[in-house]
Amino acid sequence: MPKMKTRSGAKKRFRLTGSGKVKMAVAFKRHGMRKRPNKMLRQHVGTKIMSAQDAARVKKYFMPNG
């Protein structure tokens, strides 16, 4: 049997924490930062924990059988 493969797009975009949560980069930070409020730019620094509903879908990309 061939091996089950991880979705290569998920490898590049998400990381799993030790407790099984999904870390992701924050959206709306690619370009056009001058027109965005400074409060939004401050709050969108670094990575965030994905919501449980979305994380359930992303975890299937990492573990197709589990």
C-alpha atoms as a PDB file:
ATOM      1  CA  MET A   1       0.000   0.000   0.000  1.00  0.00           C
ATOM      2  CA  PRO A   2       1.262   3.523  -0.705  1.00  0.00           C
ATOM      3  CA  LYS A   3       1.773   5.899   2.171  1.00  0.00           C
ATOM      4  CA  MET A   4      -0.878   8.445   3.146  1.00  0.00           C
ATOM      5  CA  LYS A   5       0.433  11.891   2.248  1.00  0.00           C
ATOM      6  CA  THR A   6       0.007  15.172   4.093  1.00  0.00           C
ATOM      7  CA  ARG A   7      -1.522  17.952   2.008  1.00  0.00           C
ATOM      8  CA  SER A   8       1.503  19.990   0.986  1.00  0.00           C
ATOM      9  CA  GLY A   9      -0.472  23.253   1.144  1.00  0.00           C
ATOM     10  CA  ALA A  10      -1.319  22.574   4.790  1.00  0.00           C
ATOM     11  CA  LYS A  11       2.329  21.883   5.605  1.00  0.00           C
ATOM     12  CA  LYS A  12       3.235  25.369   4.463  1.00  0.00           C
ATOM     13  CA  ARG A  13       0.392  27.240   6.160  1.00  0.00           C
ATOM     14  CA  PHE A  14      -0.320  25.565   9.506  1.00  0.00           C
ATOM     15  CA  ARG A  15       1.508  24.076  12.500  1.00  0.00           C
ATOM     16  CA  LEU A  16       0.141  21.806  15.207  1.00  0.00           C
ATOM     17  CA  THR A  17       0.888  22.686  18.833  1.00  0.00           C
ATOM     18  CA  GLY A  18       1.788  20.117  21.439  1.00  0.00           C
ATOM     19  CA  SER A  19      -1.787  20.046  22.729  1.00  0.00           C
ATOM     20  CA  GLY A  20      -3.176  19.490  19.228  1.00  0.00           C
ATOM     21  CA  LYS A  21      -4.356  23.012  18.415  1.00  0.00           C
ATOM     22  CA  VAL A  22      -3.662  24.558  15.023  1.00  0.00           C
ATOM     23  CA  LYS A  23      -1.483  27.662  14.714  1.00  0.00           C
ATOM     24  CA  MET A  24      -1.875  29.894  11.682  1.00  0.00           C
ATOM     25  CA  ALA A  25      -0.616  33.198  10.352  1.00  0.00           C
ATOM     26  CA  VAL A  26      -2.958  36.161  10.649  1.00  0.00           C
ATOM     27  CA  ALA A  27      -4.811  37.286   7.525  1.00  0.00           C
ATOM     28  CA  PHE A  28      -4.797  40.737   5.867  1.00  0.00           C
ATOM     29  CA  LYS A  29      -1.068  41.372   6.345  1.00  0.00           C
ATOM     30  CA  ARG A  30       0.293  40.917   2.817  1.00  0.00           C
ATOM     31  CA  HIS A  31      -0.057  44.428   1.429  1.00  0.00           C
ATOM     32  CA  GLY A  32      -2.044  47.655   1.803  1.00  0.00           C
ATOM     33  CA  MET A  33      -1.070  48.256   5.421  1.00  0.00           C
ATOM     34  CA  ARG A  34      -1.194  52.060   5.116  1.00  0.00           C
ATOM     35  CA  LYS A  35      -4.967  52.094   4.817  1.00  0.00           C
ATOM     36  CA  ARG A  36      -5.520  49.769   7.783  1.00  0.00           C
ATOM     37  CA  PRO A  37      -6.013  51.069  11.347  1.00  0.00           C
ATOM     38  CA  ASN A  38      -2.978  50.902  13.622  1.00  0.00           C
ATOM     39  CA  LYS A  39      -4.985  48.930  16.179  1.00  0.00           C
ATOM     40  CA  MET A  40      -5.634  46.219  13.611  1.00  0.00           C
ATOM     41  CA  LEU A  41      -1.963  46.065  12.638  1.00  0.00           C
ATOM     42  CA  ARG A  42      -0.937  45.658  16.274  1.00  0.00           C
ATOM     43  CA  GLN A  43      -3.476  42.908  16.893  1.00  0.00           C
ATOM     44  CA  HIS A  44      -2.475  41.006  13.744  1.00  0.00           C
ATOM     45  CA  VAL A  45       1.186  40.481  14.672  1.00  0.00           C
ATOM     46  CA  GLY A  46       2.523  36.938  14.838  1.00  0.00           C
ATOM     47  CA  THR A  47       0.425  33.785  14.803  1.00  0.00           C
ATOM     48  CA  LYS A  48      -2.990  32.924  16.203  1.00  0.00           C
ATOM     49  CA  ILE A  49      -4.773  29.746  17.306  1.00  0.00           C
ATOM     50  CA  MET A  50      -7.388  28.628  14.808  1.00  0.00           C
ATOM     51  CA  SER A  51     -11.011  28.238  15.902  1.00  0.00           C
ATOM     52  CA  ALA A  52     -12.117  24.723  16.801  1.00  0.00           C
ATOM     53  CA  GLN A  53     -14.522  24.448  13.867  1.00  0.00           C
ATOM     54  CA  ASP A  54     -11.857  25.300  11.293  1.00  0.00           C
ATOM     55  CA  ALA A  55      -9.168  23.318  13.089  1.00  0.00           C
ATOM     56  CA  ALA A  56     -11.186  20.107  12.787  1.00  0.00           C
ATOM     57  CA  ARG A  57     -11.079  20.444   9.007  1.00  0.00           C
ATOM     58  CA  VAL A  58      -7.371  21.325   8.895  1.00  0.00           C
ATOM     59  CA  LYS A  59      -6.400  18.380  11.104  1.00  0.00           C
ATOM     60  CA  LYS A  60      -7.799  16.021   8.490  1.00  0.00           C
ATOM     61  CA  TYR A  61      -5.186  17.361   6.081  1.00  0.00           C
ATOM     62  CA  PHE A  62      -2.409  16.323   8.465  1.00  0.00           C
ATOM     63  CA  MET A  63      -3.905  12.981   9.513  1.00  0.00           C
ATOM     64  CA  PRO A  64      -6.075  11.592   6.703  1.00  0.00           C
ATOM     65  CA  ASN A  65      -6.952   8.394   8.589  1.00  0.00           C
ATOM     66  CA  GLY A  66      -7.218   9.803  12.088  1.00  0.00           C
END
